[in-house]
Amino acid sequence: MKKLFKIIIIINFILPNGVYAATYYGKETINYQTTKPINTNYEEEYRYKFYEEQKIYSNAYYVEDLNDPSYPYKSNDFIETDYTDWSKERPKEEKGRIIKTKEMYEYAKALPIRYLYFYDIMGSNDALRFLEVKVYSEGKEIAYTLECANCKNKEKIMDNQFDQGYTSVLNQDTFILDLKGNYDLEKLKLEVYLTDNYGTDKSTFKISALDDQKQVLKNYIDVYLESNMYNTEDSGYRFNIDLKDYLKDLYYEKQKITTEEKIEEEEYKLISQYTLYAYKDIKYKYYRMDRNYLEGYYIDKPGYIKDQKQYKIYYKIKNRETITFKENYVITSRDYNLYDLIEKSSIDKKKIQIKDTININKNGLYKITFSYQDFQIDQYVTLDVEEKMESIHISKESNVEQVDKITIKTGQTVKEQQKEEDKNEKQPEKNSIFSYLSISMFLIVKRILGI
């Protein structure tokens, strides 16, 4: 009874605590790839481009809606321009545009009209025949003198006789009516009576008003006569000409005054009235939104904007490393390799480190520590190395007896060992650490107790 109690104590002291699995499962690892896997379970994971927006402002300011299209968004940054110079052209109506106007008046003093100048005369048969020429101012006839070097019967032009005793003026010749004083052009009216019996299409002449210095001014009256203008009456063919209707610009060509106020003095005549325009604009800075993309693709990126149109599909593959150890492993030779304890492994065995405390000279149960990266696992092996046969003297006569002694030291007789081998052939090896621990402990206890 004392021996049994002693055996139990020794077994409890020596036997390691805990459960020892034959297979180690490492931490699950996850790998991603962008090519679709074949014959492998996977999950699809959509990852997107993310960006942050940055405002890029235009260098120039623009009238609202007249901005450069590359800067489509209006900012709150604006300026107010100065007014443009005054112009007669009315500006376009634009958003934010302020238009101001002012009325302008153009006046001029009356030129001193003293002479009426007839020139560029062209009639049939090299002459044009004037019957009578009369000049009126405010309805009163003005007595004038005729200046004409080559006029035939020039006294007939102002004798109040509308007969055939006409005054002939040669083509390309000229004559001047001297009014003997200065008159207001707007009040002058001219009556011209003439005829051209031959009726050509070339009958024409021009009239200009001259100042008291006889300066020929640009503007003139261009008179064209009707073809076949044959005189059938004593009065001939008559032109009534209001000089102000034809020579207005000439009359006011000098001494013009432009003002914003009306002038009431009689000596000034209103030539024209018109509107001037000036404007200023409210102009804005415009901007565009540029996207600054992050490198890579993401499921989410707080603080950034997801671009739904730019994405990649990542395929998620789960992996788990495993190491399967042999159970009931017994070392029976001094020439052993602890890597043989690994039955199969998804890890390259060369990368697995082994730490042991085996004393090859002492049989027993030993802990073997396998480590790889972040895991460490302990396994137990039994060292049961038989003493070398050549170190024991065995005679031929006592061969059986000596073998029995040797097998007693190892815990088994030859017959028992044969029975055990026969038993193992009939039954599969049990995958439990306790089976090889029991064998090892039995051998150890026998040697300690000497039984």
Protein backbone atom coordinates (compact mmCIF):
# COMPACT_ATOMS: atom_id res chain seq x y z
CA MET A 1 0.00 0.00 0.00
CA LYS A 2 2.85 2.35 0.82
CA LYS A 3 4.45 1.59 -2.54
CA LEU A 4 1.20 2.41 -4.40
CA PHE A 5 0.85 5.74 -2.58
CA LYS A 6 4.45 6.54 -3.40
CA ILE A 7 3.82 5.79 -7.09
CA ILE A 8 0.75 8.10 -7.17
CA ILE A 9 2.73 10.96 -5.62
CA ILE A 10 5.55 10.57 -8.10
CA ILE A 11 3.14 10.43 -11.05
CA ASN A 12 1.31 13.63 -9.91
CA PHE A 13 4.60 15.42 -9.46
CA ILE A 14 6.10 14.42 -12.80
CA LEU A 15 3.00 14.40 -15.08
CA PRO A 16 2.58 17.84 -16.83
CA ASN A 17 -0.68 19.72 -16.30
CA GLY A 18 -3.05 20.90 -19.10
CA VAL A 19 -4.46 19.55 -22.32
CA TYR A 20 -2.12 19.14 -25.25
CA ALA A 21 -3.66 19.47 -28.71
CA ALA A 22 -2.19 17.55 -31.59
CA THR A 23 -2.94 20.46 -34.02
CA TYR A 24 -2.10 24.12 -33.51
CA TYR A 25 -4.20 26.76 -35.25
CA GLY A 26 -2.49 30.08 -35.69
CA LYS A 27 -4.14 33.44 -35.87
CA GLU A 28 -6.35 34.01 -38.88
CA THR A 29 -4.70 36.22 -41.50
CA ILE A 30 -6.48 38.11 -44.24
CA ASN A 31 -5.00 38.83 -47.63
CA TYR A 32 -6.36 41.08 -50.35
CA GLN A 33 -5.81 40.95 -54.08
CA THR A 34 -7.29 42.75 -57.08
CA THR A 35 -7.45 39.72 -59.36
CA LYS A 36 -10.38 37.40 -58.90
CA PRO A 37 -9.27 34.17 -57.17
CA ILE A 38 -9.92 30.76 -58.68
CA ASN A 39 -11.04 27.77 -56.57
CA THR A 40 -10.70 29.80 -53.38
CA ASN A 41 -13.35 31.21 -51.10
CA TYR A 42 -13.34 34.99 -51.07
CA GLU A 43 -15.38 38.07 -50.25
CA GLU A 44 -15.69 41.13 -52.46
CA GLU A 45 -14.72 44.45 -50.96
CA TYR A 46 -15.34 47.71 -52.84
CA ARG A 47 -12.77 50.42 -52.25
CA TYR A 48 -13.10 53.96 -53.57
CA LYS A 49 -10.96 56.96 -54.38
CA PHE A 50 -11.29 59.74 -51.82
CA TYR A 51 -10.50 63.39 -52.29
CA GLU A 52 -10.72 66.79 -50.71
CA GLU A 53 -11.92 69.81 -52.63
CA GLN A 54 -9.82 72.94 -53.08
CA LYS A 55 -11.07 76.28 -54.37
CA ILE A 56 -9.00 77.77 -57.19
CA TYR A 57 -9.87 81.42 -57.83
CA SER A 58 -9.69 83.28 -61.12
CA ASN A 59 -7.14 86.04 -61.48
CA ALA A 60 -9.68 88.43 -63.02
CA TYR A 61 -13.01 89.79 -61.83
CA TYR A 62 -16.06 89.23 -64.04
CA VAL A 63 -19.50 90.76 -64.55
CA GLU A 64 -22.02 88.28 -63.22
CA ASP A 65 -22.68 85.46 -65.72
CA LEU A 66 -19.92 86.74 -68.04
CA ASN A 67 -17.19 84.73 -66.32
CA ASP A 68 -14.58 82.46 -67.83
CA PRO A 69 -16.30 79.03 -68.18
CA SER A 70 -13.29 77.32 -66.59
CA TYR A 71 -14.23 79.10 -63.33
CA PRO A 72 -17.96 78.27 -63.05
CA TYR A 73 -18.74 79.32 -59.45
CA LYS A 74 -19.29 82.87 -58.23
CA SER A 75 -17.63 83.87 -54.96
CA ASN A 76 -18.57 86.65 -52.56
CA ASP A 77 -15.40 88.56 -53.45
CA PHE A 78 -16.35 91.49 -55.67
CA ILE A 79 -15.22 94.95 -56.74
CA GLU A 80 -17.01 98.00 -58.07
CA THR A 81 -15.38 99.51 -61.14
CA ASP A 82 -15.04 103.18 -61.97
CA TYR A 83 -17.47 104.72 -64.43
CA THR A 84 -16.47 104.51 -68.07
CA ASP A 85 -15.95 107.56 -70.23
CA TRP A 86 -19.09 109.11 -71.69
CA SER A 87 -20.21 107.67 -75.01
CA LYS A 88 -23.10 108.12 -77.40
CA GLU A 89 -23.39 104.33 -77.69
CA ARG A 90 -25.86 102.84 -75.28
CA PRO A 91 -24.23 99.99 -73.31
CA LYS A 92 -25.78 96.57 -72.91
CA GLU A 93 -27.84 95.81 -69.86
CA GLU A 94 -25.90 93.38 -67.65
CA LYS A 95 -26.39 92.02 -64.14
CA GLY A 96 -25.05 94.44 -61.57
CA ARG A 97 -24.31 97.09 -64.21
CA ILE A 98 -25.15 100.67 -63.25
CA ILE A 99 -25.82 102.99 -66.19
CA LYS A 100 -26.06 106.73 -65.93
CA THR A 101 -27.03 109.20 -68.65
CA LYS A 102 -26.93 112.88 -69.41
CA GLU A 103 -28.49 114.98 -72.13
CA MET A 104 -26.17 117.04 -74.26
CA TYR A 105 -27.01 120.12 -76.33
CA GLU A 106 -25.00 121.42 -79.26
CA TYR A 107 -25.30 125.08 -80.15
CA ALA A 108 -23.62 127.39 -82.65
CA LYS A 109 -23.68 131.05 -83.49
CA ALA A 110 -25.05 132.07 -86.90
CA LEU A 111 -22.39 132.59 -89.54
CA PRO A 112 -22.50 135.91 -91.40
CA ILE A 113 -23.96 134.79 -94.76
CA ARG A 114 -23.30 137.46 -97.40
CA TYR A 115 -22.66 135.64 -100.67
CA LEU A 116 -24.41 132.85 -102.58
CA TYR A 117 -21.98 131.09 -104.86
CA PHE A 118 -23.20 129.28 -108.05
CA TYR A 119 -20.68 126.87 -109.66
CA ASP A 120 -20.21 123.55 -111.48
CA ILE A 121 -22.77 124.74 -113.98
CA MET A 122 -23.61 122.26 -116.75
CA GLY A 123 -26.24 122.75 -119.47
CA SER A 124 -26.89 121.67 -123.01
CA ASN A 125 -25.14 123.49 -125.83
CA ASP A 126 -22.36 124.50 -123.39
CA ALA A 127 -24.57 126.87 -121.36
CA LEU A 128 -27.41 126.98 -118.86
CA ARG A 129 -30.04 129.74 -119.21
CA PHE A 130 -31.13 131.54 -116.01
CA LEU A 131 -34.36 133.60 -116.34
CA GLU A 132 -34.48 135.11 -112.86
CA VAL A 133 -32.92 134.63 -109.37
CA LYS A 134 -34.61 136.05 -106.25
CA VAL A 135 -33.44 136.01 -102.60
CA TYR A 136 -35.75 136.53 -99.58
CA SER A 137 -35.11 137.00 -95.82
CA GLU A 138 -38.15 136.51 -93.62
CA GLY A 139 -40.32 137.02 -96.70
CA LYS A 140 -38.67 140.27 -97.81
CA GLU A 141 -36.77 140.36 -101.08
CA ILE A 142 -33.12 141.28 -100.84
CA ALA A 143 -31.53 143.48 -103.50
CA TYR A 144 -28.21 142.04 -104.53
CA THR A 145 -25.56 142.59 -107.16
CA LEU A 146 -24.40 139.96 -109.63
CA GLU A 147 -20.74 139.20 -110.04
CA CYS A 148 -20.18 137.24 -113.24
CA ALA A 149 -17.34 137.72 -115.71
CA ASN A 150 -18.75 135.67 -118.59
CA CYS A 151 -22.52 135.95 -118.11
CA LYS A 152 -24.52 137.06 -121.17
CA ASN A 153 -27.35 139.52 -120.43
CA LYS A 154 -26.55 139.35 -116.73
CA GLU A 155 -28.87 142.28 -115.97
CA LYS A 156 -31.78 140.04 -116.98
CA ILE A 157 -31.22 137.75 -113.97
CA MET A 158 -32.64 140.38 -111.59
CA ASP A 159 -35.00 142.55 -113.70
CA ASN A 160 -38.22 140.90 -112.54
CA GLN A 161 -39.03 140.00 -116.16
CA PHE A 162 -39.64 136.29 -116.56
CA ASP A 163 -39.26 136.33 -120.36
CA GLN A 164 -36.98 134.74 -122.85
CA GLY A 165 -34.40 137.45 -122.43
CA TYR A 166 -32.54 135.06 -120.20
CA THR A 167 -29.08 135.24 -118.82
CA SER A 168 -26.80 132.64 -120.28
CA VAL A 169 -24.03 131.16 -118.12
CA LEU A 170 -21.39 129.12 -119.83
CA ASN A 171 -20.63 125.65 -118.63
CA GLN A 172 -17.97 125.49 -115.90
CA ASP A 173 -18.39 129.22 -115.32
CA THR A 174 -19.44 130.73 -111.96
CA PHE A 175 -21.35 133.69 -110.61
CA ILE A 176 -21.90 135.20 -107.16
CA LEU A 177 -24.85 137.01 -105.58
CA ASP A 178 -23.63 139.70 -103.16
CA LEU A 179 -26.40 140.29 -100.58
CA LYS A 180 -24.73 143.52 -99.42
CA GLY A 181 -24.97 142.47 -95.79
CA ASN A 182 -24.92 139.56 -93.34
CA TYR A 183 -28.05 137.42 -93.01
CA ASP A 184 -29.27 134.52 -90.94
CA LEU A 185 -29.10 131.43 -93.11
CA GLU A 186 -32.18 129.94 -91.50
CA LYS A 187 -34.20 132.92 -92.69
CA LEU A 188 -32.99 132.89 -96.29
CA LYS A 189 -35.04 131.52 -99.15
CA LEU A 190 -33.94 131.28 -102.77
CA GLU A 191 -36.01 131.20 -105.97
CA VAL A 192 -34.30 130.18 -109.20
CA TYR A 193 -36.01 130.33 -112.64
CA LEU A 194 -34.27 128.75 -115.63
CA THR A 195 -34.73 126.76 -118.79
CA ASP A 196 -32.76 124.49 -121.10
CA ASN A 197 -34.41 124.16 -124.48
CA TYR A 198 -32.18 121.35 -125.65
CA GLY A 199 -33.15 119.13 -122.68
CA THR A 200 -30.06 117.08 -122.02
CA ASP A 201 -29.57 114.92 -118.91
CA LYS A 202 -26.50 116.93 -117.91
CA SER A 203 -28.28 120.09 -116.70
CA THR A 204 -27.03 120.75 -113.15
CA PHE A 205 -25.40 123.31 -110.86
CA LYS A 206 -24.30 123.75 -107.21
CA ILE A 207 -24.87 126.50 -104.63
CA SER A 208 -22.81 127.28 -101.52
CA ALA A 209 -23.16 130.02 -98.94
CA LEU A 210 -20.06 132.17 -98.31
CA ASP A 211 -19.13 134.29 -95.37
CA ASP A 212 -18.11 137.91 -95.68
CA GLN A 213 -14.56 136.77 -96.59
CA LYS A 214 -15.89 134.80 -99.55
CA GLN A 215 -14.58 131.54 -98.12
CA VAL A 216 -15.97 128.56 -99.99
CA LEU A 217 -17.19 126.07 -97.42
CA LYS A 218 -17.61 122.35 -97.86
CA ASN A 219 -21.34 121.91 -97.85
CA TYR A 220 -23.41 122.85 -100.88
CA ILE A 221 -26.74 122.38 -102.62
CA ASP A 222 -26.50 120.08 -105.60
CA VAL A 223 -29.32 120.86 -108.05
CA TYR A 224 -30.19 118.41 -110.81
CA LEU A 225 -32.50 119.57 -113.59
CA GLU A 226 -35.15 117.44 -115.22
CA SER A 227 -34.38 116.13 -118.69
CA ASN A 228 -36.01 117.93 -121.65
CA MET A 229 -36.72 120.96 -119.44
CA TYR A 230 -38.34 123.06 -122.16
CA ASN A 231 -39.79 126.42 -121.22
CA THR A 232 -43.45 126.65 -122.23
CA GLU A 233 -44.27 129.63 -120.07
CA ASP A 234 -42.73 133.01 -119.55
CA SER A 235 -41.79 132.06 -115.96
CA GLY A 236 -39.71 129.13 -117.12
CA TYR A 237 -38.72 126.34 -114.73
CA ARG A 238 -38.61 127.38 -111.04
CA PHE A 239 -36.76 126.02 -108.00
CA ASN A 240 -37.80 127.12 -104.50
CA ILE A 241 -34.95 126.50 -102.10
CA ASP A 242 -34.94 127.00 -98.31
CA LEU A 243 -31.23 127.36 -97.72
CA LYS A 244 -31.44 126.27 -94.06
CA ASP A 245 -32.66 122.85 -95.15
CA TYR A 246 -29.54 122.21 -97.20
CA LEU A 247 -26.79 124.26 -95.62
CA LYS A 248 -27.56 123.71 -91.95
CA ASP A 249 -24.35 121.83 -91.18
CA LEU A 250 -22.39 124.40 -93.12
CA TYR A 251 -24.03 127.23 -91.31
CA TYR A 252 -23.09 125.87 -87.91
CA GLU A 253 -19.75 124.41 -88.85
CA LYS A 254 -17.90 127.06 -86.87
CA GLN A 255 -18.27 128.33 -83.32
CA LYS A 256 -20.07 125.24 -81.99
CA ILE A 257 -20.78 124.93 -78.27
CA THR A 258 -21.60 121.62 -76.51
CA THR A 259 -23.23 121.89 -73.11
CA GLU A 260 -25.41 120.02 -70.64
CA GLU A 261 -27.57 123.12 -70.18
CA LYS A 262 -29.93 124.75 -72.61
CA ILE A 263 -28.92 128.15 -74.00
CA GLU A 264 -31.73 130.65 -74.37
CA GLU A 265 -29.81 133.43 -76.14
CA GLU A 266 -31.20 134.09 -79.60
CA GLU A 267 -27.81 134.32 -81.25
CA TYR A 268 -27.21 130.63 -80.49
CA LYS A 269 -28.97 128.02 -82.50
CA LEU A 270 -29.61 124.42 -81.30
CA ILE A 271 -27.82 122.18 -83.74
CA SER A 272 -28.45 118.82 -82.11
CA GLN A 273 -29.49 117.10 -78.88
CA TYR A 274 -28.27 113.65 -77.86
CA THR A 275 -27.77 111.35 -74.87
CA LEU A 276 -24.43 110.29 -73.42
CA TYR A 277 -23.94 107.06 -71.47
CA ALA A 278 -21.46 105.92 -68.84
CA TYR A 279 -21.56 102.82 -66.69
CA LYS A 280 -19.83 100.92 -63.95
CA ASP A 281 -19.96 97.22 -63.10
CA ILE A 282 -20.09 95.05 -60.05
CA LYS A 283 -17.55 92.31 -60.82
CA TYR A 284 -16.97 89.08 -58.96
CA LYS A 285 -14.15 86.66 -58.49
CA TYR A 286 -15.07 83.22 -59.78
CA TYR A 287 -13.60 79.90 -58.78
CA ARG A 288 -13.49 76.25 -59.65
CA MET A 289 -13.33 73.22 -57.38
CA ASP A 290 -10.26 71.05 -57.89
CA ARG A 291 -10.08 67.55 -56.46
CA ASN A 292 -6.95 66.50 -54.61
CA TYR A 293 -7.09 62.72 -54.55
CA LEU A 294 -5.44 60.55 -51.94
CA GLU A 295 -3.15 57.82 -53.11
CA GLY A 296 -4.78 54.40 -53.12
CA TYR A 297 -8.34 53.15 -52.62
CA TYR A 298 -10.27 53.00 -49.35
CA ILE A 299 -13.53 51.71 -47.90
CA ASP A 300 -13.92 54.92 -45.95
CA LYS A 301 -11.80 57.94 -45.21
CA PRO A 302 -13.28 60.34 -42.64
CA GLY A 303 -12.89 63.97 -43.61
CA TYR A 304 -12.67 63.20 -47.33
CA ILE A 305 -15.23 62.86 -50.12
CA LYS A 306 -15.90 59.55 -51.80
CA ASP A 307 -15.79 59.41 -55.59
CA GLN A 308 -18.50 56.86 -56.39
CA LYS A 309 -17.28 56.51 -59.98
CA GLN A 310 -13.69 55.56 -59.17
CA TYR A 311 -13.33 52.27 -57.37
CA LYS A 312 -11.57 48.92 -57.35
CA ILE A 313 -12.82 45.55 -56.23
CA TYR A 314 -10.55 43.87 -53.73
CA TYR A 315 -10.95 40.14 -53.09
CA LYS A 316 -10.66 39.20 -49.43
CA ILE A 317 -9.09 35.80 -48.75
CA LYS A 318 -8.87 34.39 -45.21
CA ASN A 319 -5.89 32.20 -44.25
CA ARG A 320 -5.03 30.35 -41.06
CA GLU A 321 -1.69 28.68 -40.41
CA THR A 322 -1.74 25.21 -38.89
CA ILE A 323 0.81 22.84 -37.42
CA THR A 324 -0.12 19.24 -36.68
CA PHE A 325 2.10 17.33 -34.26
CA LYS A 326 2.52 13.63 -33.92
CA GLU A 327 1.08 12.24 -30.73
CA ASN A 328 2.68 9.65 -28.44
CA TYR A 329 6.05 10.51 -29.89
CA VAL A 330 8.87 8.43 -28.39
CA ILE A 331 12.54 9.03 -29.07
CA THR A 332 14.25 5.67 -29.18
CA SER A 333 17.59 6.65 -30.70
CA ARG A 334 20.33 9.01 -29.81
CA ASP A 335 20.28 10.16 -33.41
CA TYR A 336 16.95 11.99 -33.49
CA ASN A 337 15.42 15.08 -35.16
CA LEU A 338 12.74 16.96 -33.25
CA TYR A 339 11.30 18.30 -36.52
CA ASP A 340 10.04 14.76 -37.00
CA LEU A 341 7.51 15.58 -34.29
CA ILE A 342 5.76 17.84 -36.84
CA GLU A 343 3.41 15.74 -38.89
CA LYS A 344 2.39 18.49 -41.30
CA SER A 345 2.60 22.26 -41.36
CA SER A 346 1.47 25.17 -43.51
CA ILE A 347 4.62 26.95 -42.31
CA ASP A 348 8.02 26.18 -43.71
CA LYS A 349 9.63 23.97 -41.05
CA LYS A 350 12.91 25.80 -41.44
CA LYS A 351 11.23 28.91 -40.06
CA ILE A 352 10.06 27.17 -36.89
CA GLN A 353 12.41 27.40 -33.92
CA ILE A 354 12.72 24.58 -31.38
CA LYS A 355 13.81 24.78 -27.75
CA ASP A 356 14.21 21.63 -25.65
CA THR A 357 15.73 20.42 -22.36
CA ILE A 358 16.37 16.83 -23.36
CA ASN A 359 19.16 14.98 -21.51
CA ILE A 360 20.06 12.19 -23.87
CA ASN A 361 21.60 10.23 -21.03
CA LYS A 362 18.39 10.12 -19.03
CA ASN A 363 15.18 8.64 -20.31
CA GLY A 364 11.98 10.36 -19.36
CA LEU A 365 9.30 12.91 -20.38
CA TYR A 366 10.58 16.16 -21.85
CA LYS A 367 8.91 19.43 -22.93
CA ILE A 368 9.68 20.68 -26.43
CA THR A 369 8.83 24.33 -27.25
CA PHE A 370 8.07 25.23 -30.85
CA SER A 371 7.92 28.95 -31.70
CA TYR A 372 7.19 30.95 -34.84
CA GLN A 373 6.67 34.70 -34.97
CA ASP A 374 3.95 35.51 -32.42
CA PHE A 375 3.01 31.99 -31.28
CA GLN A 376 4.62 29.43 -28.97
CA ILE A 377 3.40 25.92 -28.28
CA ASP A 378 4.67 23.18 -26.01
CA GLN A 379 4.69 19.50 -26.85
CA TYR A 380 5.94 16.54 -24.82
CA VAL A 381 8.03 13.61 -25.96
CA THR A 382 9.23 10.49 -24.25
CA LEU A 383 12.92 9.70 -24.33
CA ASP A 384 13.40 5.95 -24.24
CA VAL A 385 16.84 5.13 -25.56
CA GLU A 386 17.99 1.54 -24.81
CA GLU A 387 21.50 0.91 -23.52
CA LYS A 388 23.89 -0.16 -26.19
CA MET A 389 24.02 -3.90 -26.61
CA GLU A 390 27.79 -3.93 -27.15
CA SER A 391 28.40 -2.43 -23.69
CA ILE A 392 26.96 -5.49 -21.95
CA HIS A 393 28.80 -8.87 -21.77
CA ILE A 394 26.44 -11.51 -23.05
CA SER A 395 27.68 -15.07 -23.36
CA LYS A 396 26.31 -17.41 -25.84
CA GLU A 397 25.16 -19.78 -23.11
CA SER A 398 23.26 -17.13 -21.08
CA ASN A 399 21.97 -15.14 -24.01
CA VAL A 400 18.30 -15.44 -23.12
CA GLU A 401 18.86 -14.69 -19.48
CA GLN A 402 20.86 -11.55 -20.23
CA VAL A 403 18.25 -10.33 -22.69
CA ASP A 404 15.62 -10.70 -20.03
CA LYS A 405 17.72 -8.54 -17.69
CA ILE A 406 18.09 -5.87 -20.34
CA THR A 407 14.40 -5.81 -21.11
CA ILE A 408 13.59 -5.58 -17.44
CA LYS A 409 15.49 -2.27 -17.34
CA THR A 410 13.48 -0.94 -20.25
CA GLY A 411 10.28 -2.08 -18.56
CA GLN A 412 9.39 -4.93 -20.91
CA THR A 413 10.37 -8.48 -21.50
CA VAL A 414 10.86 -9.76 -24.99
CA LYS A 415 7.63 -11.62 -24.78
CA GLU A 416 5.78 -8.58 -23.46
CA GLN A 417 7.30 -6.42 -26.18
CA GLN A 418 6.19 -8.90 -28.83
CA LYS A 419 2.70 -8.94 -27.39
CA GLU A 420 2.64 -5.12 -27.44
CA GLU A 421 3.77 -5.03 -31.07
CA ASP A 422 1.10 -7.56 -32.00
CA LYS A 423 -1.46 -5.47 -30.19
CA ASN A 424 -0.39 -2.28 -32.08
CA GLU A 425 -0.77 -4.06 -35.38
CA LYS A 426 -4.34 -4.97 -34.48
CA GLN A 427 -5.37 -1.59 -32.99
CA PRO A 428 -4.76 1.96 -34.41
CA GLU A 429 -2.62 4.30 -32.32
CA LYS A 430 -4.72 6.51 -29.98
CA ASN A 431 -4.29 10.23 -30.52
CA SER A 432 -3.86 11.24 -26.92
CA ILE A 433 -0.86 12.44 -25.01
CA PHE A 434 -1.85 10.34 -22.04
CA SER A 435 -1.20 7.07 -23.87
CA TYR A 436 2.51 7.75 -24.38
CA LEU A 437 2.77 9.47 -20.98
CA SER A 438 1.49 6.36 -19.28
CA ILE A 439 4.14 4.22 -20.98
CA SER A 440 6.90 6.64 -20.14
CA MET A 441 5.82 7.07 -16.54
CA PHE A 442 5.55 3.35 -16.04
CA LEU A 443 9.13 2.88 -17.12
CA ILE A 444 10.37 5.71 -14.94
CA VAL A 445 8.50 4.51 -11.84
CA LYS A 446 9.83 0.94 -12.22
CA ARG A 447 13.39 2.21 -12.22
CA ILE A 448 12.85 4.50 -9.24
CA LEU A 449 11.20 1.83 -7.11
CA GLY A 450 13.43 -0.96 -8.33
CA ILE A 451 10.56 -3.23 -9.20
